[in-house]
Amino acid sequence: MTFPNLTQELHKKFNADSKFRFLDIGGEYIDFYLELNKNFKNIEYYFHNIENINNIFNQLKKNYNFNNLFIIDRLEEISNNHFDFINLGSSLQYIEDYEILLDKITNLKSYVLISAIPVYKLKNKNQNKFIIVKQAKHSVGNYLYFFNKDYLFSIFKNKNFDIILEQDNVADNVNLKNFEKIVDEISYLDLIFHKK
């Protein structure tokens, strides 16, 4: 869980009887779905991840009759629904078609949580939207984006979103010191945006 206080954050926005749609992009474990069901009896929980994890969730839904669990197989399906809260838990930086995803979710009136996201700033404003890095700690060598903070924030600002939370991520201990030579500022953040 890259944003440990997510249930408490949801309680600030929805009461236990509220009917709302929650989209989890990048989740891997059923425990968070089960926790939210304990706290919000009318939640509709939508889920998207890579095919093999989606298949596991489909099997769990079938085996345990999780009637309020909905699996989204393709990013294109996101715009077919309304979501009240969208959770991108340490996932946006791994999505190759992130621009398509951000275009879809910023067209919705919703809260958007992006947790555990690496962002950087440069003095020269005419720099790239992102840099691509390779994770050293993973044997498979996952590649991911580090986003230019100004660029990422502008995507939401241009679609009338306000930033209502910006804080350092506390769930992971990520060492970013080796990037300090190539960028002016680098952070590992949790962000919540809300459409005006």
Protein backbone atom coordinates (compact mmCIF):
# COMPACT_ATOMS: atom_id res chain seq x y z
CA MET A 1 0.00 0.00 0.00
CA THR A 2 1.75 3.13 -1.21
CA PHE A 3 -0.68 5.51 0.53
CA PRO A 4 -1.36 3.94 3.95
CA ASN A 5 -3.98 6.53 4.96
CA LEU A 6 -6.21 6.03 1.93
CA THR A 7 -9.17 4.63 3.88
CA GLN A 8 -9.04 7.62 6.25
CA GLU A 9 -8.78 9.98 3.27
CA LEU A 10 -11.88 8.40 1.74
CA HIS A 11 -13.75 8.84 5.04
CA LYS A 12 -13.13 12.59 4.73
CA LYS A 13 -14.95 12.60 1.39
CA PHE A 14 -17.59 9.85 1.74
CA ASN A 15 -19.56 8.56 4.70
CA ALA A 16 -19.98 4.86 5.42
CA ASP A 17 -23.38 4.76 3.66
CA SER A 18 -22.33 6.77 0.59
CA LYS A 19 -22.68 5.17 -2.79
CA PHE A 20 -19.58 5.94 -4.80
CA ARG A 21 -17.38 4.47 -7.50
CA PHE A 22 -13.74 3.84 -6.72
CA LEU A 23 -11.22 3.02 -9.47
CA ASP A 24 -7.98 1.32 -8.45
CA ILE A 25 -5.33 1.32 -11.16
CA GLY A 26 -2.31 -0.80 -10.38
CA GLY A 27 -3.51 -2.59 -7.25
CA GLU A 28 -2.28 -6.14 -6.81
CA TYR A 29 -3.96 -7.58 -3.71
CA ILE A 30 -7.57 -8.26 -2.79
CA ASP A 31 -7.05 -7.08 0.80
CA PHE A 32 -7.66 -3.42 -0.03
CA TYR A 33 -10.96 -4.25 -1.74
CA LEU A 34 -11.97 -6.22 1.36
CA GLU A 35 -10.97 -3.34 3.67
CA LEU A 36 -13.00 -0.81 1.70
CA ASN A 37 -16.01 -3.12 1.78
CA LYS A 38 -15.84 -3.15 5.57
CA ASN A 39 -15.75 0.65 5.68
CA PHE A 40 -18.15 1.58 2.86
CA LYS A 41 -21.15 -0.67 2.36
CA ASN A 42 -22.25 0.88 -0.96
CA ILE A 43 -18.91 1.17 -2.72
CA GLU A 44 -18.50 0.04 -6.32
CA TYR A 45 -14.87 -1.02 -6.70
CA TYR A 46 -13.37 -0.93 -10.19
CA PHE A 47 -9.98 -2.45 -10.82
CA HIS A 48 -7.40 -2.31 -13.62
CA ASN A 49 -3.99 -3.92 -13.90
CA ILE A 50 -2.05 -6.09 -16.34
CA GLU A 51 -3.84 -9.10 -17.82
CA ASN A 52 -2.57 -11.82 -15.48
CA ILE A 53 -3.52 -9.84 -12.34
CA ASN A 54 -6.90 -8.93 -13.85
CA ASN A 55 -7.46 -12.65 -14.44
CA ILE A 56 -6.77 -13.41 -10.77
CA PHE A 57 -9.29 -10.74 -9.71
CA ASN A 58 -11.86 -12.11 -12.16
CA GLN A 59 -11.42 -15.55 -10.61
CA LEU A 60 -11.77 -14.16 -7.07
CA LYS A 61 -14.91 -12.27 -8.11
CA LYS A 62 -16.40 -15.47 -9.50
CA ASN A 63 -15.36 -17.73 -6.60
CA TYR A 64 -16.54 -15.42 -3.81
CA ASN A 65 -19.46 -13.59 -5.49
CA PHE A 66 -17.88 -10.16 -5.14
CA ASN A 67 -20.81 -8.40 -6.81
CA ASN A 68 -19.46 -4.88 -6.34
CA LEU A 69 -16.05 -5.70 -7.89
CA PHE A 70 -15.66 -4.75 -11.55
CA ILE A 71 -12.53 -5.52 -13.57
CA ILE A 72 -11.53 -3.15 -16.38
CA ASP A 73 -9.42 -4.99 -18.92
CA ARG A 74 -8.53 -2.08 -21.21
CA LEU A 75 -7.75 1.56 -20.48
CA GLU A 76 -10.27 2.56 -23.16
CA GLU A 77 -13.08 1.31 -20.89
CA ILE A 78 -12.33 3.95 -18.26
CA SER A 79 -14.12 6.71 -20.15
CA ASN A 80 -17.28 4.55 -20.26
CA ASN A 81 -17.80 5.07 -16.53
CA HIS A 82 -18.06 7.79 -13.93
CA PHE A 83 -15.69 7.49 -10.96
CA ASP A 84 -15.79 9.49 -7.76
CA PHE A 85 -12.26 8.59 -6.67
CA ILE A 86 -9.36 7.26 -8.77
CA ASN A 87 -6.34 5.68 -7.13
CA LEU A 88 -3.06 5.40 -9.04
CA GLY A 89 -0.93 3.70 -6.40
CA SER A 90 2.66 3.71 -7.64
CA SER A 91 1.44 2.83 -11.11
CA LEU A 92 1.32 5.87 -13.40
CA GLN A 93 5.09 5.81 -13.94
CA TYR A 94 4.89 2.24 -15.32
CA ILE A 95 2.10 2.84 -17.85
CA GLU A 96 3.49 3.24 -21.34
CA ASP A 97 0.30 4.94 -22.60
CA TYR A 98 0.09 7.24 -19.58
CA GLU A 99 -1.04 10.17 -21.77
CA ILE A 100 -4.12 8.25 -22.90
CA LEU A 101 -4.92 7.34 -19.31
CA LEU A 102 -4.45 10.90 -18.02
CA ASP A 103 -6.58 12.27 -20.84
CA LYS A 104 -9.39 9.90 -19.87
CA ILE A 105 -9.29 10.49 -16.13
CA THR A 106 -8.92 14.27 -16.39
CA ASN A 107 -12.14 14.39 -18.41
CA LEU A 108 -13.97 12.99 -15.37
CA LYS A 109 -15.11 14.99 -12.36
CA SER A 110 -13.31 13.07 -9.68
CA TYR A 111 -10.68 12.97 -6.99
CA VAL A 112 -7.40 11.57 -8.34
CA LEU A 113 -4.74 10.19 -6.02
CA ILE A 114 -1.31 9.58 -7.51
CA SER A 115 0.88 8.07 -4.83
CA ALA A 116 4.56 7.20 -4.78
CA ILE A 117 5.32 9.13 -7.95
CA PRO A 118 8.85 10.33 -8.75
CA VAL A 119 8.89 13.91 -10.04
CA TYR A 120 11.69 16.34 -10.82
CA LYS A 121 12.15 20.02 -11.61
CA LEU A 122 14.64 21.83 -13.78
CA LYS A 123 15.54 25.51 -13.93
CA ASN A 124 15.21 25.44 -17.69
CA LYS A 125 11.45 25.23 -18.35
CA ASN A 126 11.95 23.91 -21.89
CA GLN A 127 12.96 20.44 -20.77
CA ASN A 128 11.47 17.04 -21.46
CA LYS A 129 8.13 15.89 -20.07
CA PHE A 130 9.86 12.95 -18.42
CA ILE A 131 13.01 10.91 -18.16
CA ILE A 132 13.04 7.13 -18.41
CA VAL A 133 14.96 5.21 -15.77
CA LYS A 134 15.64 1.57 -15.01
CA GLN A 135 15.04 0.19 -11.53
CA ALA A 136 18.26 -1.31 -10.23
CA LYS A 137 16.69 -3.35 -7.42
CA HIS A 138 14.52 -5.50 -9.71
CA SER A 139 16.12 -8.42 -11.51
CA VAL A 140 13.72 -8.03 -14.43
CA GLY A 141 14.86 -4.42 -14.88
CA ASN A 142 11.58 -2.52 -14.88
CA TYR A 143 11.65 0.76 -16.75
CA LEU A 144 9.61 3.71 -15.55
CA TYR A 145 8.99 7.40 -16.06
CA PHE A 146 10.17 10.17 -13.77
CA PHE A 147 7.81 13.03 -14.61
CA ASN A 148 8.69 16.68 -14.91
CA LYS A 149 6.63 18.12 -12.06
CA ASP A 150 5.57 21.23 -14.00
CA TYR A 151 4.43 19.09 -16.92
CA LEU A 152 2.46 16.65 -14.73
CA PHE A 153 0.76 19.44 -12.78
CA SER A 154 -0.10 21.30 -16.00
CA ILE A 155 -2.07 18.28 -17.30
CA PHE A 156 -4.42 18.56 -14.32
CA LYS A 157 -4.46 22.35 -14.18
CA ASN A 158 -5.45 22.55 -17.86
CA LYS A 159 -8.49 20.37 -17.07
CA ASN A 160 -9.57 22.52 -14.08
CA PHE A 161 -8.20 20.35 -11.30
CA ASP A 162 -6.88 21.82 -8.06
CA ILE A 163 -4.15 20.14 -6.08
CA ILE A 164 -5.52 19.46 -2.61
CA LEU A 165 -2.63 17.38 -1.27
CA GLU A 166 1.08 17.33 -2.00
CA GLN A 167 3.34 15.48 0.42
CA ASP A 168 6.40 13.27 0.50
CA ASN A 169 5.57 9.59 0.25
CA VAL A 170 6.26 7.77 3.51
CA ALA A 171 5.48 4.20 2.45
CA ASP A 172 8.72 3.57 0.55
CA ASN A 173 12.29 4.50 1.28
CA VAL A 174 13.46 5.44 -2.20
CA ASN A 175 16.98 6.70 -2.73
CA LEU A 176 17.01 9.39 -5.42
CA LYS A 177 20.39 10.93 -4.62
CA ASN A 178 22.00 9.64 -7.81
CA PHE A 179 19.65 11.86 -9.84
CA GLU A 180 20.56 15.09 -8.07
CA LYS A 181 23.38 15.70 -10.55
CA ILE A 182 21.04 15.82 -13.55
CA VAL A 183 18.00 17.61 -12.10
CA ASP A 184 17.57 20.64 -9.84
CA GLU A 185 15.00 19.04 -7.56
CA ILE A 186 13.65 15.50 -7.23
CA SER A 187 10.88 14.16 -5.00
CA TYR A 188 8.86 11.01 -4.38
CA LEU A 189 5.37 12.34 -3.77
CA ASP A 190 1.75 11.64 -3.00
CA LEU A 191 -0.65 13.94 -4.84
CA ILE A 192 -4.41 14.39 -4.73
CA PHE A 193 -6.14 16.42 -7.41
CA HIS A 194 -9.80 17.41 -7.51
CA LYS A 195 -11.78 18.85 -10.36
CA LYS A 196 -13.24 22.28 -9.59
